[in-house]
Structures are given as C-alpha cells and as structure tokens.
Amino acid sequence: MLSAAPCSHEGCADHEQARLSVNRDVKTTRYFEEQVLRKRPYIQRAWCERALREPARRELQADGRVRYWILIAELGRYLRVVTLEDGETIHNAFLDRDFQEPSA
C-alpha cells in the first residue's frame, strides 16, 4: 500500500499521510485536499495532474519539494503545483503571478 508522506507545512498540525485521490492514480496530502482545494475552488485537479506530466518548467526547492508550472490557457496564467520530495504527491497549487515564461 502507500507509505506515509510527511507534511511539514506550517498549516498542518501533524504529519499527513499521502493518499490516492478518489478514482485517481495521483497522490495528494490531506493539506491539499482539505485546505488548498477549499481555499482555491477554481483549481481543477486535471490541471494539477497535467502539470506533473507536461510541465512548462520543473524546479527543485531547497527543502526537497518539487515545483511544476503549467500554463492554464483558460485563465491566461501559470499554475504552480508543489509536490512532496517524491515528485508525485501534490501538496499545494496556486496561480503564480511572478512566473516568467520560459524563453525559447
């Protein structure tokens, strides 16, 4: 089965366990399910999943987490998706105002 994926986000009271989203093969933290999607109801799961598969850019954070960006054509903005260290478990997602489009 799945092993525990620690969550050190300051909004989390304790470590969260990664789990499969309902009817999906994508892992998410409890923080993502209960906080991110509630606070940002415009974020679509499909966008987050696509960001992991087809990122415009991918970057490793100093804490080991991984950032993925993808252009959301419907909004004309970039979505940043942050995963845990495994690069698969979605922990956070938000529209990134400061993202610079990759140069060709």
Protein backbone atom coordinates (compact mmCIF):
# COMPACT_ATOMS: atom_id res chain seq x y z
CA MET A 1 0.00 0.00 0.00
CA LEU A 2 1.10 3.63 0.32
CA SER A 3 3.68 4.74 2.83
CA ALA A 4 3.33 7.87 4.92
CA ALA A 5 4.45 11.09 3.23
CA PRO A 6 5.42 13.66 5.85
CA CYS A 7 3.98 17.14 5.61
CA SER A 8 5.87 19.95 7.30
CA HIS A 9 3.69 22.79 6.01
CA GLU A 10 3.14 25.21 8.86
CA GLY A 11 -0.62 25.00 8.33
CA CYS A 12 -0.59 21.32 9.26
CA ALA A 13 -0.80 20.34 12.92
CA ASP A 14 0.86 16.97 12.37
CA HIS A 15 2.41 14.89 9.63
CA GLU A 16 -0.06 13.94 6.94
CA GLN A 17 -0.25 10.69 5.06
CA ALA A 18 -0.24 10.77 1.28
CA ARG A 19 -3.28 9.12 -0.16
CA LEU A 20 -4.83 8.39 -3.50
CA SER A 21 -7.43 10.82 -4.71
CA VAL A 22 -10.81 9.23 -5.26
CA ASN A 23 -10.78 7.34 -8.59
CA ARG A 24 -7.36 8.73 -9.49
CA ASP A 25 -3.79 7.50 -9.50
CA VAL A 26 -2.48 10.83 -8.20
CA LYS A 27 -1.39 11.08 -4.59
CA THR A 28 -2.23 14.17 -2.54
CA THR A 29 -1.67 15.33 1.02
CA ARG A 30 -4.53 15.95 3.38
CA TYR A 31 -3.49 19.62 3.37
CA PHE A 32 -4.10 19.77 -0.40
CA GLU A 33 -7.48 18.06 -0.13
CA GLU A 34 -8.78 19.98 2.88
CA GLN A 35 -7.15 23.39 2.58
CA VAL A 36 -5.92 24.13 -0.94
CA LEU A 37 -8.97 22.93 -2.84
CA ARG A 38 -11.29 24.60 -0.32
CA LYS A 39 -9.50 27.96 -0.42
CA ARG A 40 -9.00 27.90 -4.19
CA PRO A 41 -12.10 26.23 -5.65
CA TYR A 42 -11.19 27.39 -9.18
CA ILE A 43 -8.23 24.98 -9.25
CA GLN A 44 -9.04 21.87 -11.23
CA ARG A 45 -7.43 18.54 -10.35
CA ALA A 46 -6.87 17.86 -14.04
CA TRP A 47 -4.66 20.96 -14.25
CA CYS A 48 -2.52 19.73 -11.36
CA GLU A 49 -2.21 16.27 -12.86
CA ARG A 50 -1.24 17.75 -16.24
CA ALA A 51 1.38 19.95 -14.58
CA LEU A 52 3.16 16.83 -13.31
CA ARG A 53 3.00 15.14 -16.73
CA GLU A 54 3.73 18.12 -19.00
CA PRO A 55 5.35 20.96 -17.03
CA ALA A 56 6.45 24.17 -18.75
CA ARG A 57 9.16 24.19 -16.08
CA ARG A 58 10.23 21.97 -13.19
CA GLU A 59 12.38 23.12 -10.27
CA LEU A 60 13.71 21.51 -7.10
CA GLN A 61 13.23 23.54 -3.90
CA ALA A 62 15.92 23.74 -1.20
CA ASP A 63 13.71 21.62 1.10
CA GLY A 64 13.50 18.83 -1.49
CA ARG A 65 9.98 19.54 -2.68
CA VAL A 66 9.41 19.93 -6.40
CA ARG A 67 7.72 22.84 -8.19
CA TYR A 68 5.93 22.39 -11.51
CA TRP A 69 4.44 25.16 -13.65
CA ILE A 70 1.89 24.87 -16.42
CA LEU A 71 0.06 27.48 -18.48
CA ILE A 72 -3.68 27.40 -17.93
CA ALA A 73 -4.91 28.71 -21.28
CA GLU A 74 -8.45 29.33 -19.97
CA LEU A 75 -7.06 31.80 -17.43
CA GLY A 76 -4.03 33.06 -19.35
CA ARG A 77 -1.91 32.43 -16.23
CA TYR A 78 0.55 29.90 -14.90
CA LEU A 79 -0.35 27.42 -12.19
CA ARG A 80 2.39 26.34 -9.77
CA VAL A 81 1.99 22.86 -8.33
CA VAL A 82 4.23 21.82 -5.44
CA THR A 83 4.80 18.16 -4.63
CA LEU A 84 6.48 16.46 -1.72
CA GLU A 85 10.02 15.16 -2.16
CA ASP A 86 8.79 12.14 -4.12
CA GLY A 87 7.80 14.43 -7.02
CA GLU A 88 4.38 12.76 -7.16
CA THR A 89 2.38 13.69 -4.06
CA ILE A 90 0.59 17.01 -4.67
CA HIS A 91 0.80 19.29 -1.64
CA ASN A 92 -0.02 22.80 -2.90
CA ALA A 93 -1.22 24.61 -6.02
CA PHE A 94 -1.83 28.25 -6.83
CA LEU A 95 -1.76 30.76 -9.68
CA ASP A 96 1.76 32.19 -9.80
CA ARG A 97 1.83 35.91 -10.61
CA ASP A 98 5.62 36.07 -10.64
CA PHE A 99 6.35 33.19 -13.01
CA GLN A 100 8.46 34.18 -16.00
CA GLU A 101 7.58 32.31 -19.18
CA PRO A 102 10.43 30.06 -20.34
CA SER A 103 12.36 31.57 -23.25
CA ALA A 104 12.53 29.53 -26.44
